[in-house]
């Protein structure tokens, strides 16, 4: 039953329509029917696509802090990561694999915002970016102060005190009872002219270098996904570049076959 207030606005339910009032505006919602067959092709496809996305998020979420400028309303990093990647090609885990928390590195979007995207590609075990450093100025003793100067002065849209995040998601099956899982390392490097530490000491296991053409590179010898993210803190607001993992992963190739898709579909269609 719906009620009509003195100002002519509706509230309540009529048939399959619900009327709600918010800030003096009438909103109408159609009630959705209960799904009679949760194993339709569409439901199965959605469930399969979602499982690897959520399992991967669980392994790399610690590297995604302040990476999602484009969140709306009460959206969390968890739900935003999910919405960004649902449109990508599915990694079809079987029901048992999904429940066993298999996580396969895929070219997922790991940040979203208005800052200019850093372009990069994986080539011969190296992530090559479009951030220009200058080959003549690169050496093992390079400090963060020098690195800051090169990035800010030689690349548009970069400022002092911006953050450059390095993300390395290595695909591993050696532990965890040989289940596929992700070993994620990340470093948020603040571009600080007063930081005289050597960049190699700060980045630790993440090895950076410079291409012959003078562009910043990250060593990526192992299967997995690699990315760089530009972040800027402005008051309470964080700006970010939109980035996607650059992936080289033989295991992902295995999970991209028609046979794997067929096996996954059948696993969800089995009756309990």
C-alpha atoms as a PDB file:
ATOM      1  CA  UNK A   1       0.000   0.000   0.000  1.00  0.00           C
ATOM      2  CA  UNK A   2       1.226   3.496  -0.819  1.00  0.00           C
ATOM      3  CA  UNK A   3       0.497   6.719   1.056  1.00  0.00           C
ATOM      4  CA  UNK A   4       0.153  10.207  -0.422  1.00  0.00           C
ATOM      5  CA  UNK A   5       1.513  13.028   1.730  1.00  0.00           C
ATOM      6  CA  UNK A   6       0.161  16.576   1.843  1.00  0.00           C
ATOM      7  CA  UNK A   7       2.724  17.692  -0.736  1.00  0.00           C
ATOM      8  CA  UNK A   8       1.644  15.010  -3.201  1.00  0.00           C
ATOM      9  CA  UNK A   9       4.599  12.653  -2.762  1.00  0.00           C
ATOM     10  CA  UNK A  10       4.149   8.871  -2.607  1.00  0.00           C
ATOM     11  CA  UNK A  11       5.641   6.394  -0.139  1.00  0.00           C
ATOM     12  CA  UNK A  12       5.033   2.678   0.147  1.00  0.00           C
ATOM     13  CA  UNK A  13       4.432  -0.145  -2.330  1.00  0.00           C
ATOM     14  CA  UNK A  14       2.047  -0.635  -5.237  1.00  0.00           C
ATOM     15  CA  UNK A  15       2.346  -3.963  -7.068  1.00  0.00           C
ATOM     16  CA  UNK A  16       6.010  -4.517  -7.888  1.00  0.00           C
ATOM     17  CA  UNK A  17       6.875  -0.811  -7.460  1.00  0.00           C
ATOM     18  CA  UNK A  18       8.205   0.747  -4.260  1.00  0.00           C
ATOM     19  CA  UNK A  19       8.006   4.525  -3.682  1.00  0.00           C
ATOM     20  CA  UNK A  20      10.496   6.310  -1.437  1.00  0.00           C
ATOM     21  CA  UNK A  21      10.986  10.000  -0.603  1.00  0.00           C
ATOM     22  CA  UNK A  22      14.479  11.452  -0.122  1.00  0.00           C
ATOM     23  CA  UNK A  23      15.165  15.198   0.231  1.00  0.00           C
ATOM     24  CA  UNK A  24      11.750  16.009  -1.137  1.00  0.00           C
ATOM     25  CA  UNK A  25      12.186  13.876  -4.255  1.00  0.00           C
ATOM     26  CA  UNK A  26      10.122  10.789  -5.126  1.00  0.00           C
ATOM     27  CA  UNK A  27      12.103   7.688  -6.152  1.00  0.00           C
ATOM     28  CA  UNK A  28      10.513   4.590  -7.666  1.00  0.00           C
ATOM     29  CA  UNK A  29      12.141   1.139  -7.439  1.00  0.00           C
ATOM     30  CA  UNK A  30      11.084  -2.022  -9.241  1.00  0.00           C
ATOM     31  CA  UNK A  31      11.270  -5.101  -7.034  1.00  0.00           C
ATOM     32  CA  UNK A  32      13.349  -7.862  -8.583  1.00  0.00           C
ATOM     33  CA  UNK A  33      11.956 -11.368  -8.793  1.00  0.00           C
ATOM     34  CA  UNK A  34      13.701 -14.108  -6.872  1.00  0.00           C
ATOM     35  CA  UNK A  35      16.070 -16.058  -9.101  1.00  0.00           C
ATOM     36  CA  UNK A  36      14.382 -19.403  -9.788  1.00  0.00           C
ATOM     37  CA  UNK A  37      17.469 -21.018 -11.308  1.00  0.00           C
ATOM     38  CA  UNK A  38      20.758 -19.858  -9.790  1.00  0.00           C
ATOM     39  CA  UNK A  39      22.664 -22.018 -12.295  1.00  0.00           C
ATOM     40  CA  UNK A  40      21.665 -20.280 -15.518  1.00  0.00           C
ATOM     41  CA  UNK A  41      24.487 -19.545 -17.966  1.00  0.00           C
ATOM     42  CA  UNK A  42      24.497 -15.880 -16.942  1.00  0.00           C
ATOM     43  CA  UNK A  43      24.601 -16.686 -13.231  1.00  0.00           C
ATOM     44  CA  UNK A  44      27.386 -19.235 -13.693  1.00  0.00           C
ATOM     45  CA  UNK A  45      29.445 -16.851 -15.834  1.00  0.00           C
ATOM     46  CA  UNK A  46      29.091 -14.058 -13.272  1.00  0.00           C
ATOM     47  CA  UNK A  47      30.017 -16.355 -10.383  1.00  0.00           C
ATOM     48  CA  UNK A  48      33.104 -17.696 -12.147  1.00  0.00           C
ATOM     49  CA  UNK A  49      34.344 -14.256 -13.138  1.00  0.00           C
ATOM     50  CA  UNK A  50      33.881 -12.901  -9.639  1.00  0.00           C
ATOM     51  CA  UNK A  51      35.704 -15.661  -7.748  1.00  0.00           C
ATOM     52  CA  UNK A  52      39.242 -15.061  -9.055  1.00  0.00           C
ATOM     53  CA  UNK A  53      38.780 -11.291  -8.811  1.00  0.00           C
ATOM     54  CA  UNK A  54      37.879 -11.543  -5.133  1.00  0.00           C
ATOM     55  CA  UNK A  55      40.598 -14.099  -4.373  1.00  0.00           C
ATOM     56  CA  UNK A  56      43.225 -11.886  -6.036  1.00  0.00           C
ATOM     57  CA  UNK A  57      41.963  -8.848  -4.131  1.00  0.00           C
ATOM     58  CA  UNK A  58      42.457 -10.729  -0.887  1.00  0.00           C
ATOM     59  CA  UNK A  59      46.132 -11.279  -1.744  1.00  0.00           C
ATOM     60  CA  UNK A  60      46.969  -7.759  -2.987  1.00  0.00           C
ATOM     61  CA  UNK A  61      44.614  -5.451  -1.068  1.00  0.00           C
ATOM     62  CA  UNK A  62      47.452  -4.179   1.134  1.00  0.00           C
ATOM     63  CA  UNK A  63      49.043  -2.683  -2.014  1.00  0.00           C
ATOM     64  CA  UNK A  64      45.897  -0.827  -3.097  1.00  0.00           C
ATOM     65  CA  UNK A  65      45.571   1.784  -0.338  1.00  0.00           C
ATOM     66  CA  UNK A  66      44.657   5.222  -1.780  1.00  0.00           C
ATOM     67  CA  UNK A  67      44.602   3.792  -5.323  1.00  0.00           C
ATOM     68  CA  UNK A  68      40.925   4.399  -6.072  1.00  0.00           C
ATOM     69  CA  UNK A  69      40.122   8.063  -6.553  1.00  0.00           C
ATOM     70  CA  UNK A  70      36.936   7.218  -8.452  1.00  0.00           C
ATOM     71  CA  UNK A  71      34.968   5.621  -5.608  1.00  0.00           C
ATOM     72  CA  UNK A  72      31.362   6.802  -5.346  1.00  0.00           C
ATOM     73  CA  UNK A  73      29.143   7.111  -2.291  1.00  0.00           C
ATOM     74  CA  UNK A  74      29.922   4.435   0.271  1.00  0.00           C
ATOM     75  CA  UNK A  75      31.848   2.296  -2.196  1.00  0.00           C
ATOM     76  CA  UNK A  76      34.859   0.545  -0.642  1.00  0.00           C
ATOM     77  CA  UNK A  77      38.174  -0.448  -2.244  1.00  0.00           C
ATOM     78  CA  UNK A  78      36.806  -4.014  -2.284  1.00  0.00           C
ATOM     79  CA  UNK A  79      33.655  -3.173  -4.239  1.00  0.00           C
ATOM     80  CA  UNK A  80      35.450  -0.690  -6.504  1.00  0.00           C
ATOM     81  CA  UNK A  81      38.121  -3.231  -7.452  1.00  0.00           C
ATOM     82  CA  UNK A  82      35.341  -5.695  -8.197  1.00  0.00           C
ATOM     83  CA  UNK A  83      33.381  -3.279 -10.408  1.00  0.00           C
ATOM     84  CA  UNK A  84      36.503  -2.215 -12.335  1.00  0.00           C
ATOM     85  CA  UNK A  85      37.379  -5.786 -13.277  1.00  0.00           C
ATOM     86  CA  UNK A  86      34.056  -7.527 -13.873  1.00  0.00           C
ATOM     87  CA  UNK A  87      34.088  -6.446 -17.522  1.00  0.00           C
ATOM     88  CA  UNK A  88      37.458  -8.084 -18.186  1.00  0.00           C
ATOM     89  CA  UNK A  89      37.884 -11.599 -19.549  1.00  0.00           C
ATOM     90  CA  UNK A  90      37.035 -14.216 -16.934  1.00  0.00           C
ATOM     91  CA  UNK A  91      39.587 -16.469 -15.267  1.00  0.00           C
ATOM     92  CA  UNK A  92      37.330 -19.545 -14.917  1.00  0.00           C
ATOM     93  CA  UNK A  93      38.140 -21.277 -11.649  1.00  0.00           C
ATOM     94  CA  UNK A  94      36.190 -24.413 -10.849  1.00  0.00           C
ATOM     95  CA  UNK A  95      33.965 -24.276  -7.782  1.00  0.00           C
ATOM     96  CA  UNK A  96      36.489 -26.332  -5.777  1.00  0.00           C
ATOM     97  CA  UNK A  97      39.414 -24.134  -6.888  1.00  0.00           C
ATOM     98  CA  UNK A  98      37.527 -20.975  -5.992  1.00  0.00           C
ATOM     99  CA  UNK A  99      36.650 -22.284  -2.537  1.00  0.00           C
ATOM    100  CA  UNK A 100      40.270 -23.394  -2.088  1.00  0.00           C
ATOM    101  CA  UNK A 101      41.240 -19.753  -2.734  1.00  0.00           C
ATOM    102  CA  UNK A 102      43.232 -20.239  -5.912  1.00  0.00           C
ATOM    103  CA  UNK A 103      44.335 -16.806  -7.174  1.00  0.00           C
ATOM    104  CA  UNK A 104      45.673 -16.333 -10.685  1.00  0.00           C
ATOM    105  CA  UNK A 105      47.488 -13.130 -11.667  1.00  0.00           C
ATOM    106  CA  UNK A 106      45.496 -11.480 -14.466  1.00  0.00           C
ATOM    107  CA  UNK A 107      45.638  -8.012 -16.075  1.00  0.00           C
ATOM    108  CA  UNK A 108      43.351  -6.463 -13.478  1.00  0.00           C
ATOM    109  CA  UNK A 109      42.974  -2.726 -12.922  1.00  0.00           C
ATOM    110  CA  UNK A 110      44.660  -1.865  -9.642  1.00  0.00           C
ATOM    111  CA  UNK A 111      44.046   1.895  -9.527  1.00  0.00           C
ATOM    112  CA  UNK A 112      41.554   4.403 -10.861  1.00  0.00           C
ATOM    113  CA  UNK A 113      41.725   8.189 -11.022  1.00  0.00           C
ATOM    114  CA  UNK A 114      42.255  11.365 -13.031  1.00  0.00           C
ATOM    115  CA  UNK A 115      46.059  11.637 -13.006  1.00  0.00           C
ATOM    116  CA  UNK A 116      47.728  10.804 -16.302  1.00  0.00           C
ATOM    117  CA  UNK A 117      48.222   7.076 -16.814  1.00  0.00           C
ATOM    118  CA  UNK A 118      51.818   5.809 -16.721  1.00  0.00           C
ATOM    119  CA  UNK A 119      52.369   3.756 -19.867  1.00  0.00           C
ATOM    120  CA  UNK A 120      54.460   0.589 -19.598  1.00  0.00           C
ATOM    121  CA  UNK A 121      54.994  -2.818 -21.171  1.00  0.00           C
ATOM    122  CA  UNK A 122      56.638  -6.109 -20.256  1.00  0.00           C
ATOM    123  CA  UNK A 123      59.511  -7.026 -22.542  1.00  0.00           C
ATOM    124  CA  UNK A 124      62.178  -9.698 -21.966  1.00  0.00           C
ATOM    125  CA  UNK A 125      61.628  -9.809 -18.220  1.00  0.00           C
ATOM    126  CA  UNK A 126      61.602  -6.045 -17.739  1.00  0.00           C
ATOM    127  CA  UNK A 127      58.746  -3.585 -17.178  1.00  0.00           C
ATOM    128  CA  UNK A 128      59.599  -0.574 -19.347  1.00  0.00           C
ATOM    129  CA  UNK A 129      57.767   2.648 -18.484  1.00  0.00           C
ATOM    130  CA  UNK A 130      57.423   6.005 -20.234  1.00  0.00           C
ATOM    131  CA  UNK A 131      58.889   7.876 -17.237  1.00  0.00           C
ATOM    132  CA  UNK A 132      62.044   9.535 -18.530  1.00  0.00           C
ATOM    133  CA  UNK A 133      65.081   9.572 -16.262  1.00  0.00           C
ATOM    134  CA  UNK A 134      68.031   9.980 -18.598  1.00  0.00           C
ATOM    135  CA  UNK A 135      70.441   7.076 -19.110  1.00  0.00           C
ATOM    136  CA  UNK A 136      73.434   9.354 -18.586  1.00  0.00           C
ATOM    137  CA  UNK A 137      72.277  10.166 -15.039  1.00  0.00           C
ATOM    138  CA  UNK A 138      71.455   6.647 -13.842  1.00  0.00           C
ATOM    139  CA  UNK A 139      73.872   4.865 -11.528  1.00  0.00           C
ATOM    140  CA  UNK A 140      73.907   2.537  -8.535  1.00  0.00           C
ATOM    141  CA  UNK A 141      74.394   5.430  -6.101  1.00  0.00           C
ATOM    142  CA  UNK A 142      71.285   7.336  -7.247  1.00  0.00           C
ATOM    143  CA  UNK A 143      69.513   8.972  -4.296  1.00  0.00           C
ATOM    144  CA  UNK A 144      65.791   9.589  -3.910  1.00  0.00           C
ATOM    145  CA  UNK A 145      66.582  13.309  -4.024  1.00  0.00           C
ATOM    146  CA  UNK A 146      68.199  12.950  -7.470  1.00  0.00           C
ATOM    147  CA  UNK A 147      65.472  10.589  -8.653  1.00  0.00           C
ATOM    148  CA  UNK A 148      62.858  13.147  -7.552  1.00  0.00           C
ATOM    149  CA  UNK A 149      64.550  15.880  -9.535  1.00  0.00           C
ATOM    150  CA  UNK A 150      64.678  13.779 -12.696  1.00  0.00           C
ATOM    151  CA  UNK A 151      61.034  12.666 -12.491  1.00  0.00           C
ATOM    152  CA  UNK A 152      59.585  16.091 -11.740  1.00  0.00           C
ATOM    153  CA  UNK A 153      61.674  18.115 -14.184  1.00  0.00           C
ATOM    154  CA  UNK A 154      61.628  15.640 -17.085  1.00  0.00           C
ATOM    155  CA  UNK A 155      58.034  14.400 -16.978  1.00  0.00           C
ATOM    156  CA  UNK A 156      54.858  16.450 -17.312  1.00  0.00           C
ATOM    157  CA  UNK A 157      52.170  16.376 -14.600  1.00  0.00           C
ATOM    158  CA  UNK A 158      54.536  15.330 -11.798  1.00  0.00           C
ATOM    159  CA  UNK A 159      55.139  17.439  -8.672  1.00  0.00           C
ATOM    160  CA  UNK A 160      57.387  17.335  -5.625  1.00  0.00           C
ATOM    161  CA  UNK A 161      55.975  15.156  -2.821  1.00  0.00           C
ATOM    162  CA  UNK A 162      53.962  13.045  -5.258  1.00  0.00           C
ATOM    163  CA  UNK A 163      54.093   9.297  -4.678  1.00  0.00           C
ATOM    164  CA  UNK A 164      55.255   6.651  -7.142  1.00  0.00           C
ATOM    165  CA  UNK A 165      54.076   3.182  -6.162  1.00  0.00           C
ATOM    166  CA  UNK A 166      55.848   0.063  -7.402  1.00  0.00           C
ATOM    167  CA  UNK A 167      53.714  -3.126  -7.401  1.00  0.00           C
ATOM    168  CA  UNK A 168      55.044  -6.634  -8.122  1.00  0.00           C
ATOM    169  CA  UNK A 169      52.546  -9.535  -7.988  1.00  0.00           C
ATOM    170  CA  UNK A 170      54.485 -12.755  -8.498  1.00  0.00           C
ATOM    171  CA  UNK A 171      52.625 -15.958  -9.375  1.00  0.00           C
ATOM    172  CA  UNK A 172      53.685 -18.767  -7.072  1.00  0.00           C
ATOM    173  CA  UNK A 173      52.688 -22.430  -6.776  1.00  0.00           C
ATOM    174  CA  UNK A 174      55.621 -23.683  -4.713  1.00  0.00           C
ATOM    175  CA  UNK A 175      53.954 -23.412  -1.307  1.00  0.00           C
ATOM    176  CA  UNK A 176      50.447 -23.524   0.125  1.00  0.00           C
ATOM    177  CA  UNK A 177      50.053 -27.212  -0.879  1.00  0.00           C
ATOM    178  CA  UNK A 178      50.940 -26.275  -4.460  1.00  0.00           C
ATOM    179  CA  UNK A 179      47.846 -24.143  -4.847  1.00  0.00           C
ATOM    180  CA  UNK A 180      48.329 -21.091  -7.108  1.00  0.00           C
ATOM    181  CA  UNK A 181      48.735 -17.974  -5.022  1.00  0.00           C
ATOM    182  CA  UNK A 182      50.193 -14.481  -5.315  1.00  0.00           C
ATOM    183  CA  UNK A 183      53.213 -13.068  -3.532  1.00  0.00           C
ATOM    184  CA  UNK A 184      52.667  -9.297  -3.690  1.00  0.00           C
ATOM    185  CA  UNK A 185      55.380  -6.756  -2.901  1.00  0.00           C
ATOM    186  CA  UNK A 186      54.917  -2.998  -3.111  1.00  0.00           C
ATOM    187  CA  UNK A 187      56.694   0.213  -2.179  1.00  0.00           C
ATOM    188  CA  UNK A 188      55.224   3.720  -2.054  1.00  0.00           C
ATOM    189  CA  UNK A 189      58.094   6.089  -2.841  1.00  0.00           C
ATOM    190  CA  UNK A 190      57.581   9.778  -1.973  1.00  0.00           C
ATOM    191  CA  UNK A 191      59.364  12.194  -4.307  1.00  0.00           C
ATOM    192  CA  UNK A 192      61.294  14.131  -1.675  1.00  0.00           C
ATOM    193  CA  UNK A 193      64.212  16.446  -2.468  1.00  0.00           C
ATOM    194  CA  UNK A 194      65.432  16.099   1.124  1.00  0.00           C
ATOM    195  CA  UNK A 195      65.649  12.305   1.074  1.00  0.00           C
ATOM    196  CA  UNK A 196      69.266  11.327   0.420  1.00  0.00           C
ATOM    197  CA  UNK A 197      68.901   7.584   0.847  1.00  0.00           C
ATOM    198  CA  UNK A 198      69.919   5.426  -2.089  1.00  0.00           C
ATOM    199  CA  UNK A 199      66.897   4.371  -4.098  1.00  0.00           C
ATOM    200  CA  UNK A 200      68.138   0.771  -4.324  1.00  0.00           C
ATOM    201  CA  UNK A 201      68.193   0.552  -0.516  1.00  0.00           C
ATOM    202  CA  UNK A 202      64.645   1.869  -0.172  1.00  0.00           C
ATOM    203  CA  UNK A 203      63.111  -0.399  -2.816  1.00  0.00           C
ATOM    204  CA  UNK A 204      64.740  -3.560  -1.437  1.00  0.00           C
ATOM    205  CA  UNK A 205      63.640  -6.611  -3.445  1.00  0.00           C
ATOM    206  CA  UNK A 206      62.076  -4.426  -6.137  1.00  0.00           C
ATOM    207  CA  UNK A 207      64.894  -3.811  -8.591  1.00  0.00           C
ATOM    208  CA  UNK A 208      64.764  -0.715 -10.795  1.00  0.00           C
ATOM    209  CA  UNK A 209      66.990   0.196 -13.693  1.00  0.00           C
ATOM    210  CA  UNK A 210      67.114   2.452 -16.724  1.00  0.00           C
ATOM    211  CA  UNK A 211      66.690   1.532 -20.387  1.00  0.00           C
ATOM    212  CA  UNK A 212      69.264   2.511 -22.998  1.00  0.00           C
ATOM    213  CA  UNK A 213      66.811   5.220 -24.078  1.00  0.00           C
ATOM    214  CA  UNK A 214      66.659   6.616 -20.538  1.00  0.00           C
ATOM    215  CA  UNK A 215      63.272   5.298 -19.318  1.00  0.00           C
ATOM    216  CA  UNK A 216      62.572   3.938 -15.845  1.00  0.00           C
ATOM    217  CA  UNK A 217      62.350   0.135 -15.751  1.00  0.00           C
ATOM    218  CA  UNK A 218      61.515  -2.503 -13.152  1.00  0.00           C
ATOM    219  CA  UNK A 219      63.043  -5.967 -13.320  1.00  0.00           C
ATOM    220  CA  UNK A 220      60.281  -8.575 -13.811  1.00  0.00           C
ATOM    221  CA  UNK A 221      61.968 -11.947 -14.333  1.00  0.00           C
ATOM    222  CA  UNK A 222      59.208 -14.063 -12.751  1.00  0.00           C
ATOM    223  CA  UNK A 223      55.702 -14.815 -13.981  1.00  0.00           C
ATOM    224  CA  UNK A 224      53.184 -12.369 -12.540  1.00  0.00           C
ATOM    225  CA  UNK A 225      51.830  -8.838 -12.871  1.00  0.00           C
ATOM    226  CA  UNK A 226      53.697  -5.557 -12.512  1.00  0.00           C
ATOM    227  CA  UNK A 227      52.534  -1.942 -12.298  1.00  0.00           C
ATOM    228  CA  UNK A 228      53.450   1.636 -11.418  1.00  0.00           C
ATOM    229  CA  UNK A 229      50.931   4.075  -9.903  1.00  0.00           C
ATOM    230  CA  UNK A 230      51.139   7.866  -9.637  1.00  0.00           C
ATOM    231  CA  UNK A 231      49.463   9.269  -6.494  1.00  0.00           C
ATOM    232  CA  UNK A 232      49.104  12.774  -5.128  1.00  0.00           C
ATOM    233  CA  UNK A 233      47.802  13.757  -1.699  1.00  0.00           C
ATOM    234  CA  UNK A 234      45.841  17.021  -1.660  1.00  0.00           C
ATOM    235  CA  UNK A 235      44.343  17.754   1.741  1.00  0.00           C
ATOM    236  CA  UNK A 236      41.984  14.902   2.558  1.00  0.00           C
ATOM    237  CA  UNK A 237      41.740  13.904  -1.087  1.00  0.00           C
ATOM    238  CA  UNK A 238      44.011  11.483  -2.931  1.00  0.00           C
ATOM    239  CA  UNK A 239      44.454  11.668  -6.691  1.00  0.00           C
ATOM    240  CA  UNK A 240      45.625   8.615  -8.618  1.00  0.00           C
ATOM    241  CA  UNK A 241      46.456   7.465 -12.120  1.00  0.00           C
ATOM    242  CA  UNK A 242      44.446   4.662 -13.713  1.00  0.00           C
ATOM    243  CA  UNK A 243      46.668   1.601 -14.034  1.00  0.00           C
ATOM    244  CA  UNK A 244      46.440  -2.060 -14.978  1.00  0.00           C
ATOM    245  CA  UNK A 245      48.785  -4.929 -14.180  1.00  0.00           C
ATOM    246  CA  UNK A 246      51.117  -5.766 -17.057  1.00  0.00           C
ATOM    247  CA  UNK A 247      51.051  -9.564 -17.024  1.00  0.00           C
ATOM    248  CA  UNK A 248      53.224 -12.423 -18.201  1.00  0.00           C
ATOM    249  CA  UNK A 249      51.833 -15.589 -16.654  1.00  0.00           C
ATOM    250  CA  UNK A 250      51.948 -19.103 -18.083  1.00  0.00           C
ATOM    251  CA  UNK A 251      49.381 -20.212 -15.501  1.00  0.00           C
ATOM    252  CA  UNK A 252      46.923 -17.611 -16.784  1.00  0.00           C
ATOM    253  CA  UNK A 253      47.382 -19.044 -20.275  1.00  0.00           C
ATOM    254  CA  UNK A 254      46.467 -22.482 -18.901  1.00  0.00           C
ATOM    255  CA  UNK A 255      43.320 -21.075 -17.296  1.00  0.00           C
ATOM    256  CA  UNK A 256      42.297 -19.326 -20.528  1.00  0.00           C
ATOM    257  CA  UNK A 257      41.618 -22.490 -22.537  1.00  0.00           C
ATOM    258  CA  UNK A 258      38.156 -23.694 -23.667  1.00  0.00           C
ATOM    259  CA  UNK A 259      38.764 -26.903 -21.709  1.00  0.00           C
ATOM    260  CA  UNK A 260      39.201 -24.996 -18.436  1.00  0.00           C
ATOM    261  CA  UNK A 261      36.065 -22.976 -19.130  1.00  0.00           C
ATOM    262  CA  UNK A 262      34.052 -26.135 -19.792  1.00  0.00           C
ATOM    263  CA  UNK A 263      35.343 -27.783 -16.620  1.00  0.00           C
ATOM    264  CA  UNK A 264      34.520 -24.702 -14.543  1.00  0.00           C
ATOM    265  CA  UNK A 265      30.994 -24.400 -15.953  1.00  0.00           C
ATOM    266  CA  UNK A 266      30.259 -28.059 -15.188  1.00  0.00           C
ATOM    267  CA  UNK A 267      31.499 -27.684 -11.616  1.00  0.00           C
ATOM    268  CA  UNK A 268      28.932 -24.947 -10.902  1.00  0.00           C
ATOM    269  CA  UNK A 269      26.106 -26.756 -12.615  1.00  0.00           C
ATOM    270  CA  UNK A 270      26.339 -29.877 -10.450  1.00  0.00           C
ATOM    271  CA  UNK A 271      23.401 -30.348  -8.146  1.00  0.00           C
ATOM    272  CA  UNK A 272      24.055 -30.395  -4.449  1.00  0.00           C
END
